[in-house]
Amino acid sequence: MSAFTSDPGLDDVRDAAGQGTEVDVALHLLDGTVRLSILWTQEILLSADHADQVAQALQRAADKARKITSAGDRTSQPEPESD
Protein backbone atom coordinates (compact mmCIF):
# COMPACT_ATOMS: atom_id res chain seq x y z
CA MET A 1 0.00 0.00 0.00
CA SER A 2 1.32 3.41 -0.95
CA ALA A 3 1.39 6.29 1.50
CA PHE A 4 0.79 8.65 -1.44
CA THR A 5 -2.68 9.78 -2.45
CA SER A 6 -3.18 11.25 -5.92
CA ASP A 7 -5.40 14.20 -6.69
CA PRO A 8 -8.45 12.83 -8.56
CA GLY A 9 -9.02 16.22 -10.19
CA LEU A 10 -6.23 15.44 -12.66
CA ASP A 11 -7.63 12.17 -14.01
CA ASP A 12 -8.48 13.70 -17.39
CA VAL A 13 -5.39 15.92 -17.81
CA ARG A 14 -3.33 14.88 -20.85
CA ASP A 15 -0.72 16.69 -22.86
CA ALA A 16 -1.84 19.14 -25.54
CA ALA A 17 0.36 17.44 -28.14
CA GLY A 18 -1.79 14.30 -28.06
CA GLN A 19 0.99 11.98 -26.91
CA GLY A 20 -0.97 10.57 -23.96
CA THR A 21 1.39 12.04 -21.37
CA GLU A 22 -0.18 12.36 -17.94
CA VAL A 23 0.55 14.45 -14.87
CA ASP A 24 0.04 13.40 -11.27
CA VAL A 25 0.11 15.41 -8.04
CA ALA A 26 0.19 13.24 -4.94
CA LEU A 27 0.50 13.86 -1.22
CA HIS A 28 2.49 11.59 1.12
CA LEU A 29 0.07 11.08 3.99
CA LEU A 30 2.77 10.37 6.58
CA ASP A 31 5.36 13.08 6.05
CA GLY A 32 3.45 15.70 4.03
CA THR A 33 5.71 15.78 0.98
CA VAL A 34 4.14 16.60 -2.38
CA ARG A 35 5.06 14.54 -5.45
CA LEU A 36 4.66 15.97 -8.94
CA SER A 37 5.01 13.27 -11.60
CA ILE A 38 5.00 13.57 -15.36
CA LEU A 39 4.24 10.10 -16.65
CA TRP A 40 5.56 8.53 -19.85
CA THR A 41 8.01 11.33 -20.75
CA GLN A 42 10.23 14.07 -19.33
CA GLU A 43 7.96 16.96 -20.22
CA ILE A 44 4.33 17.76 -20.77
CA LEU A 45 2.65 20.44 -22.84
CA LEU A 46 -0.56 21.59 -21.18
CA SER A 47 -3.46 23.66 -22.38
CA ALA A 48 -4.18 26.73 -20.26
CA ASP A 49 -7.12 24.98 -18.60
CA HIS A 50 -5.08 21.89 -17.75
CA ALA A 51 -2.19 24.02 -16.45
CA ASP A 52 -4.69 25.72 -14.16
CA GLN A 53 -5.95 22.33 -12.94
CA VAL A 54 -2.38 21.24 -12.14
CA ALA A 55 -1.70 24.51 -10.29
CA GLN A 56 -4.87 24.06 -8.23
CA ALA A 57 -3.95 20.45 -7.43
CA LEU A 58 -0.50 21.56 -6.25
CA GLN A 59 -2.10 24.24 -4.06
CA ARG A 60 -4.50 21.70 -2.52
CA ALA A 61 -1.60 19.33 -1.84
CA ALA A 62 0.49 22.10 -0.30
CA ASP A 63 -2.38 23.07 2.01
CA LYS A 64 -2.86 19.47 3.12
CA ALA A 65 0.92 19.00 3.54
CA ARG A 66 1.07 22.01 5.86
CA LYS A 67 -1.67 20.46 7.99
CA ILE A 68 0.18 17.14 8.18
CA THR A 69 3.51 18.72 9.09
CA SER A 70 1.99 21.13 11.62
CA ALA A 71 0.13 18.24 13.27
CA GLY A 72 3.43 16.39 13.56
CA ASP A 73 5.06 19.45 15.12
CA ARG A 74 2.30 19.69 17.72
CA THR A 75 2.61 16.03 18.72
CA SER A 76 6.40 16.21 19.07
CA GLN A 77 6.36 19.25 21.37
CA PRO A 78 5.89 18.79 25.10
CA GLU A 79 2.57 19.83 26.55
CA PRO A 80 2.64 23.08 28.54
CA GLU A 81 2.54 22.56 32.28
CA SER A 82 -0.56 23.70 34.11
CA ASP A 83 -0.55 25.12 37.58
C-alpha atoms as a PDB file:
ATOM      1  CA  MET A   1       0.000   0.000   0.000  1.00  0.00           C
ATOM      2  CA  SER A   2       1.320   3.410  -0.948  1.00  0.00           C
ATOM      3  CA  ALA A   3       1.394   6.287   1.498  1.00  0.00           C
ATOM      4  CA  PHE A   4       0.795   8.654  -1.444  1.00  0.00           C
ATOM      5  CA  THR A   5      -2.676   9.775  -2.452  1.00  0.00           C
ATOM      6  CA  SER A   6      -3.180  11.246  -5.916  1.00  0.00           C
ATOM      7  CA  ASP A   7      -5.404  14.202  -6.694  1.00  0.00           C
ATOM      8  CA  PRO A   8      -8.448  12.830  -8.564  1.00  0.00           C
ATOM      9  CA  GLY A   9      -9.021  16.219 -10.191  1.00  0.00           C
ATOM     10  CA  LEU A  10      -6.234  15.443 -12.660  1.00  0.00           C
ATOM     11  CA  ASP A  11      -7.626  12.175 -14.011  1.00  0.00           C
ATOM     12  CA  ASP A  12      -8.479  13.698 -17.390  1.00  0.00           C
ATOM     13  CA  VAL A  13      -5.389  15.917 -17.807  1.00  0.00           C
ATOM     14  CA  ARG A  14      -3.333  14.876 -20.849  1.00  0.00           C
ATOM     15  CA  ASP A  15      -0.716  16.695 -22.862  1.00  0.00           C
ATOM     16  CA  ALA A  16      -1.837  19.138 -25.535  1.00  0.00           C
ATOM     17  CA  ALA A  17       0.363  17.439 -28.135  1.00  0.00           C
ATOM     18  CA  GLY A  18      -1.791  14.305 -28.059  1.00  0.00           C
ATOM     19  CA  GLN A  19       0.989  11.984 -26.911  1.00  0.00           C
ATOM     20  CA  GLY A  20      -0.973  10.568 -23.963  1.00  0.00           C
ATOM     21  CA  THR A  21       1.393  12.041 -21.372  1.00  0.00           C
ATOM     22  CA  GLU A  22      -0.184  12.360 -17.940  1.00  0.00           C
ATOM     23  CA  VAL A  23       0.546  14.453 -14.871  1.00  0.00           C
ATOM     24  CA  ASP A  24       0.035  13.401 -11.267  1.00  0.00           C
ATOM     25  CA  VAL A  25       0.107  15.407  -8.042  1.00  0.00           C
ATOM     26  CA  ALA A  26       0.187  13.238  -4.942  1.00  0.00           C
ATOM     27  CA  LEU A  27       0.500  13.864  -1.221  1.00  0.00           C
ATOM     28  CA  HIS A  28       2.487  11.594   1.119  1.00  0.00           C
ATOM     29  CA  LEU A  29       0.073  11.084   3.995  1.00  0.00           C
ATOM     30  CA  LEU A  30       2.773  10.368   6.578  1.00  0.00           C
ATOM     31  CA  ASP A  31       5.360  13.083   6.045  1.00  0.00           C
ATOM     32  CA  GLY A  32       3.447  15.696   4.032  1.00  0.00           C
ATOM     33  CA  THR A  33       5.714  15.781   0.982  1.00  0.00           C
ATOM     34  CA  VAL A  34       4.140  16.599  -2.376  1.00  0.00           C
ATOM     35  CA  ARG A  35       5.063  14.538  -5.452  1.00  0.00           C
ATOM     36  CA  LEU A  36       4.659  15.972  -8.941  1.00  0.00           C
ATOM     37  CA  SER A  37       5.006  13.270 -11.596  1.00  0.00           C
ATOM     38  CA  ILE A  38       5.004  13.567 -15.361  1.00  0.00           C
ATOM     39  CA  LEU A  39       4.243  10.096 -16.645  1.00  0.00           C
ATOM     40  CA  TRP A  40       5.559   8.529 -19.847  1.00  0.00           C
ATOM     41  CA  THR A  41       8.009  11.329 -20.751  1.00  0.00           C
ATOM     42  CA  GLN A  42      10.235  14.066 -19.330  1.00  0.00           C
ATOM     43  CA  GLU A  43       7.963  16.958 -20.222  1.00  0.00           C
ATOM     44  CA  ILE A  44       4.330  17.757 -20.775  1.00  0.00           C
ATOM     45  CA  LEU A  45       2.650  20.441 -22.838  1.00  0.00           C
ATOM     46  CA  LEU A  46      -0.559  21.589 -21.182  1.00  0.00           C
ATOM     47  CA  SER A  47      -3.461  23.664 -22.375  1.00  0.00           C
ATOM     48  CA  ALA A  48      -4.177  26.735 -20.265  1.00  0.00           C
ATOM     49  CA  ASP A  49      -7.123  24.977 -18.597  1.00  0.00           C
ATOM     50  CA  HIS A  50      -5.079  21.891 -17.746  1.00  0.00           C
ATOM     51  CA  ALA A  51      -2.189  24.023 -16.448  1.00  0.00           C
ATOM     52  CA  ASP A  52      -4.694  25.724 -14.159  1.00  0.00           C
ATOM     53  CA  GLN A  53      -5.950  22.331 -12.940  1.00  0.00           C
ATOM     54  CA  VAL A  54      -2.380  21.240 -12.139  1.00  0.00           C
ATOM     55  CA  ALA A  55      -1.702  24.506 -10.292  1.00  0.00           C
ATOM     56  CA  GLN A  56      -4.874  24.062  -8.234  1.00  0.00           C
ATOM     57  CA  ALA A  57      -3.945  20.447  -7.428  1.00  0.00           C
ATOM     58  CA  LEU A  58      -0.498  21.562  -6.249  1.00  0.00           C
ATOM     59  CA  GLN A  59      -2.099  24.237  -4.063  1.00  0.00           C
ATOM     60  CA  ARG A  60      -4.498  21.700  -2.522  1.00  0.00           C
ATOM     61  CA  ALA A  61      -1.602  19.326  -1.839  1.00  0.00           C
ATOM     62  CA  ALA A  62       0.491  22.105  -0.300  1.00  0.00           C
ATOM     63  CA  ASP A  63      -2.380  23.075   2.012  1.00  0.00           C
ATOM     64  CA  LYS A  64      -2.859  19.467   3.125  1.00  0.00           C
ATOM     65  CA  ALA A  65       0.919  19.003   3.538  1.00  0.00           C
ATOM     66  CA  ARG A  66       1.069  22.006   5.864  1.00  0.00           C
ATOM     67  CA  LYS A  67      -1.673  20.461   7.995  1.00  0.00           C
ATOM     68  CA  ILE A  68       0.183  17.141   8.178  1.00  0.00           C
ATOM     69  CA  THR A  69       3.512  18.722   9.094  1.00  0.00           C
ATOM     70  CA  SER A  70       1.991  21.126  11.616  1.00  0.00           C
ATOM     71  CA  ALA A  71       0.127  18.238  13.266  1.00  0.00           C
ATOM     72  CA  GLY A  72       3.432  16.392  13.558  1.00  0.00           C
ATOM     73  CA  ASP A  73       5.055  19.446  15.124  1.00  0.00           C
ATOM     74  CA  ARG A  74       2.298  19.688  17.720  1.00  0.00           C
ATOM     75  CA  THR A  75       2.610  16.027  18.723  1.00  0.00           C
ATOM     76  CA  SER A  76       6.398  16.213  19.067  1.00  0.00           C
ATOM     77  CA  GLN A  77       6.362  19.249  21.367  1.00  0.00           C
ATOM     78  CA  PRO A  78       5.891  18.792  25.098  1.00  0.00           C
ATOM     79  CA  GLU A  79       2.567  19.833  26.548  1.00  0.00           C
ATOM     80  CA  PRO A  80       2.643  23.076  28.537  1.00  0.00           C
ATOM     81  CA  GLU A  81       2.541  22.559  32.285  1.00  0.00           C
ATOM     82  CA  SER A  82      -0.560  23.701  34.106  1.00  0.00           C
ATOM     83  CA  ASP A  83      -0.546  25.120  37.584  1.00  0.00           C
END
